[in-house]
Amino acid sequence: MIIGQIWDFKERKIMKKILLALTLMLFSTSAFAGSCPMMSGKVKSKIEQAQKLHDAGVKAHSDGDHGKSDELLKKALDLFKS
């Protein structure tokens, strides 16, 4: 009878750990899901800034101002490094 009680105790302990792990996984994924729109907004903002710098850099290159073009295009690339 004692062996059965010990086994039952171990079984309950394992089940509690499994239940705790599943609960943590369920709630942590929903918490991280809320950050997607924020990250999406940051990416979109950087893409828009980089596009403006790119367009200005290409225009400067077409106008013959290669120094300014180089500077603008490097700034556009640096947006994605930070």
N, C-alpha and C. Protein backbone atom coordinates (compact mmCIF):
# COMPACT_ATOMS: atom_id res chain seq x y z
N MET A 1 0.81 -1.19 0.00
CA MET A 1 0.00 0.00 0.00
C MET A 1 0.86 1.26 0.00
N ILE A 2 1.98 1.24 0.71
CA ILE A 2 2.86 2.41 0.77
C ILE A 2 3.45 2.69 -0.61
N ILE A 3 3.83 1.65 -1.32
CA ILE A 3 4.39 1.82 -2.66
C ILE A 3 3.37 2.50 -3.57
N GLY A 4 2.14 2.12 -3.47
CA GLY A 4 1.09 2.75 -4.27
C GLY A 4 0.92 4.22 -3.94
N GLN A 5 1.05 4.57 -2.68
CA GLN A 5 0.93 5.97 -2.28
C GLN A 5 2.11 6.79 -2.80
N ILE A 6 3.30 6.22 -2.75
CA ILE A 6 4.48 6.92 -3.26
C ILE A 6 4.35 7.14 -4.76
N TRP A 7 3.92 6.11 -5.47
CA TRP A 7 3.75 6.21 -6.91
C TRP A 7 2.70 7.27 -7.25
N ASP A 8 1.63 7.28 -6.51
CA ASP A 8 0.56 8.24 -6.73
C ASP A 8 1.07 9.66 -6.51
N PHE A 9 1.90 9.85 -5.50
CA PHE A 9 2.47 11.17 -5.21
C PHE A 9 3.37 11.63 -6.36
N LYS A 10 4.21 10.73 -6.87
CA LYS A 10 5.11 11.06 -7.97
C LYS A 10 4.31 11.39 -9.23
N GLU A 11 3.27 10.62 -9.44
CA GLU A 11 2.43 10.84 -10.61
C GLU A 11 1.75 12.21 -10.56
N ARG A 12 1.26 12.59 -9.41
CA ARG A 12 0.63 13.89 -9.25
C ARG A 12 1.64 15.02 -9.46
N LYS A 13 2.83 14.83 -8.96
CA LYS A 13 3.87 15.83 -9.09
C LYS A 13 4.22 16.04 -10.58
N ILE A 14 4.32 14.95 -11.31
CA ILE A 14 4.62 15.03 -12.74
C ILE A 14 3.49 15.73 -13.49
N MET A 15 2.26 15.38 -13.15
CA MET A 15 1.10 15.99 -13.80
C MET A 15 1.05 17.50 -13.51
N LYS A 16 1.39 17.90 -12.29
CA LYS A 16 1.40 19.32 -11.95
C LYS A 16 2.45 20.07 -12.78
N LYS A 17 3.61 19.44 -12.96
CA LYS A 17 4.66 20.07 -13.75
C LYS A 17 4.23 20.22 -15.21
N ILE A 18 3.59 19.19 -15.73
CA ILE A 18 3.13 19.24 -17.12
C ILE A 18 2.06 20.32 -17.28
N LEU A 19 1.13 20.36 -16.35
CA LEU A 19 0.07 21.37 -16.40
C LEU A 19 0.65 22.77 -16.29
N LEU A 20 1.61 22.97 -15.42
CA LEU A 20 2.25 24.28 -15.27
C LEU A 20 2.97 24.68 -16.56
N ALA A 21 3.69 23.75 -17.15
CA ALA A 21 4.43 24.04 -18.38
C ALA A 21 3.46 24.41 -19.51
N LEU A 22 2.37 23.66 -19.65
CA LEU A 22 1.39 23.96 -20.69
C LEU A 22 0.73 25.32 -20.48
N THR A 23 0.43 25.65 -19.23
CA THR A 23 -0.18 26.94 -18.92
C THR A 23 0.77 28.08 -19.25
N LEU A 24 2.04 27.93 -18.89
CA LEU A 24 3.02 28.97 -19.20
C LEU A 24 3.19 29.16 -20.70
N MET A 25 3.22 28.06 -21.44
CA MET A 25 3.35 28.16 -22.89
C MET A 25 2.13 28.87 -23.50
N LEU A 26 0.96 28.54 -23.02
CA LEU A 26 -0.26 29.13 -23.56
C LEU A 26 -0.28 30.64 -23.35
N PHE A 27 0.02 31.09 -22.14
CA PHE A 27 -0.06 32.51 -21.85
C PHE A 27 1.13 33.29 -22.38
N SER A 28 2.29 32.68 -22.48
CA SER A 28 3.44 33.42 -22.98
C SER A 28 3.32 33.67 -24.48
N THR A 29 2.73 32.76 -25.23
CA THR A 29 2.59 32.99 -26.67
C THR A 29 1.60 34.10 -26.93
N SER A 30 0.55 34.21 -26.15
CA SER A 30 -0.41 35.29 -26.36
C SER A 30 0.19 36.63 -25.96
N ALA A 31 1.09 36.65 -25.00
CA ALA A 31 1.75 37.89 -24.60
C ALA A 31 2.68 38.38 -25.70
N PHE A 32 3.41 37.46 -26.34
CA PHE A 32 4.31 37.85 -27.41
C PHE A 32 3.56 38.23 -28.67
N ALA A 33 2.36 37.71 -28.86
CA ALA A 33 1.58 38.02 -30.05
C ALA A 33 1.21 39.49 -30.09
N GLY A 34 1.11 40.15 -28.95
CA GLY A 34 0.77 41.56 -28.91
C GLY A 34 1.89 42.46 -29.41
N SER A 35 3.11 41.96 -29.48
CA SER A 35 4.22 42.79 -29.92
C SER A 35 4.37 42.81 -31.44
N CYS A 36 3.68 41.95 -32.15
CA CYS A 36 3.80 41.90 -33.62
C CYS A 36 3.42 43.22 -34.29
N PRO A 37 2.29 43.82 -33.95
CA PRO A 37 1.94 45.10 -34.59
C PRO A 37 2.97 46.19 -34.31
N MET A 38 3.55 46.20 -33.12
CA MET A 38 4.56 47.20 -32.81
C MET A 38 5.81 47.00 -33.66
N MET A 39 6.25 45.75 -33.78
CA MET A 39 7.43 45.48 -34.60
C MET A 39 7.15 45.79 -36.06
N SER A 40 5.96 45.47 -36.52
CA SER A 40 5.58 45.74 -37.90
C SER A 40 5.63 47.23 -38.18
N GLY A 41 5.15 48.03 -37.24
CA GLY A 41 5.18 49.49 -37.41
C GLY A 41 6.60 50.03 -37.49
N LYS A 42 7.48 49.48 -36.65
CA LYS A 42 8.88 49.92 -36.67
C LYS A 42 9.54 49.57 -38.00
N VAL A 43 9.27 48.37 -38.50
CA VAL A 43 9.86 47.94 -39.77
C VAL A 43 9.34 48.83 -40.90
N LYS A 44 8.04 49.07 -40.91
CA LYS A 44 7.44 49.90 -41.96
C LYS A 44 8.04 51.30 -41.95
N SER A 45 8.23 51.86 -40.75
CA SER A 45 8.80 53.20 -40.62
C SER A 45 10.23 53.24 -41.18
N LYS A 46 11.02 52.22 -40.84
CA LYS A 46 12.40 52.19 -41.34
C LYS A 46 12.43 52.01 -42.86
N ILE A 47 11.53 51.21 -43.38
CA ILE A 47 11.48 51.01 -44.83
C ILE A 47 11.13 52.32 -45.53
N GLU A 48 10.17 53.06 -44.98
CA GLU A 48 9.78 54.34 -45.58
C GLU A 48 10.94 55.33 -45.54
N GLN A 49 11.65 55.39 -44.40
CA GLN A 49 12.80 56.30 -44.30
C GLN A 49 13.89 55.90 -45.27
N ALA A 50 14.16 54.60 -45.37
CA ALA A 50 15.20 54.12 -46.27
C ALA A 50 14.81 54.38 -47.73
N GLN A 51 13.53 54.25 -48.04
CA GLN A 51 13.07 54.51 -49.41
C GLN A 51 13.28 55.97 -49.79
N LYS A 52 12.98 56.89 -48.84
CA LYS A 52 13.20 58.32 -49.11
C LYS A 52 14.68 58.62 -49.32
N LEU A 53 15.52 58.04 -48.45
CA LEU A 53 16.96 58.24 -48.60
C LEU A 53 17.47 57.64 -49.91
N HIS A 54 16.95 56.48 -50.26
CA HIS A 54 17.33 55.82 -51.51
C HIS A 54 16.97 56.69 -52.71
N ASP A 55 15.73 57.19 -52.72
CA ASP A 55 15.29 58.02 -53.83
C ASP A 55 16.14 59.29 -53.95
N ALA A 56 16.44 59.91 -52.80
CA ALA A 56 17.27 61.11 -52.81
C ALA A 56 18.69 60.77 -53.27
N GLY A 57 19.20 59.62 -52.86
CA GLY A 57 20.54 59.20 -53.28
C GLY A 57 20.62 58.93 -54.77
N VAL A 58 19.61 58.29 -55.31
CA VAL A 58 19.58 58.01 -56.76
C VAL A 58 19.48 59.32 -57.55
N LYS A 59 18.67 60.25 -57.04
CA LYS A 59 18.53 61.55 -57.71
C LYS A 59 19.86 62.30 -57.68
N ALA A 60 20.53 62.27 -56.52
CA ALA A 60 21.84 62.94 -56.42
C ALA A 60 22.84 62.31 -57.37
N HIS A 61 22.79 61.01 -57.52
CA HIS A 61 23.69 60.31 -58.45
C HIS A 61 23.38 60.74 -59.88
N SER A 62 22.11 60.80 -60.22
CA SER A 62 21.71 61.22 -61.58
C SER A 62 22.12 62.66 -61.86
N ASP A 63 22.10 63.49 -60.83
CA ASP A 63 22.49 64.90 -60.98
C ASP A 63 24.01 65.08 -60.99
N GLY A 64 24.75 64.00 -60.72
CA GLY A 64 26.20 64.06 -60.76
C GLY A 64 26.85 64.33 -59.41
N ASP A 65 26.09 64.42 -58.35
CA ASP A 65 26.64 64.68 -57.02
C ASP A 65 26.87 63.33 -56.32
N HIS A 66 27.97 62.70 -56.66
CA HIS A 66 28.24 61.34 -56.19
C HIS A 66 28.58 61.30 -54.70
N GLY A 67 29.16 62.34 -54.17
CA GLY A 67 29.48 62.38 -52.74
C GLY A 67 28.20 62.37 -51.90
N LYS A 68 27.25 63.20 -52.30
CA LYS A 68 25.99 63.26 -51.58
C LYS A 68 25.22 61.95 -51.75
N SER A 69 25.27 61.39 -52.95
CA SER A 69 24.60 60.12 -53.23
C SER A 69 25.15 59.02 -52.33
N ASP A 70 26.46 58.96 -52.23
CA ASP A 70 27.11 57.96 -51.39
C ASP A 70 26.69 58.12 -49.93
N GLU A 71 26.66 59.37 -49.45
CA GLU A 71 26.28 59.65 -48.07
C GLU A 71 24.83 59.23 -47.79
N LEU A 72 23.92 59.58 -48.68
CA LEU A 72 22.50 59.25 -48.50
C LEU A 72 22.25 57.74 -48.52
N LEU A 73 22.90 57.07 -49.45
CA LEU A 73 22.71 55.62 -49.55
C LEU A 73 23.30 54.88 -48.35
N LYS A 74 24.42 55.39 -47.81
CA LYS A 74 24.99 54.79 -46.60
C LYS A 74 24.05 54.97 -45.41
N LYS A 75 23.42 56.15 -45.32
CA LYS A 75 22.45 56.38 -44.25
C LYS A 75 21.28 55.41 -44.36
N ALA A 76 20.84 55.17 -45.59
CA ALA A 76 19.74 54.23 -45.79
C ALA A 76 20.12 52.83 -45.32
N LEU A 77 21.34 52.41 -45.62
CA LEU A 77 21.80 51.09 -45.17
C LEU A 77 21.95 51.03 -43.66
N ASP A 78 22.41 52.12 -43.07
CA ASP A 78 22.61 52.15 -41.61
C ASP A 78 21.30 52.02 -40.85
N LEU A 79 20.19 52.41 -41.45
CA LEU A 79 18.90 52.26 -40.78
C LEU A 79 18.61 50.79 -40.44
N PHE A 80 19.09 49.89 -41.28
CA PHE A 80 18.81 48.47 -41.07
C PHE A 80 19.84 47.79 -40.19
N LYS A 81 20.93 48.48 -39.89
CA LYS A 81 21.95 47.91 -39.01
C LYS A 81 21.62 48.16 -37.54
N SER A 82 20.84 49.18 -37.26
CA SER A 82 20.55 49.50 -35.86
C SER A 82 19.30 48.81 -35.37
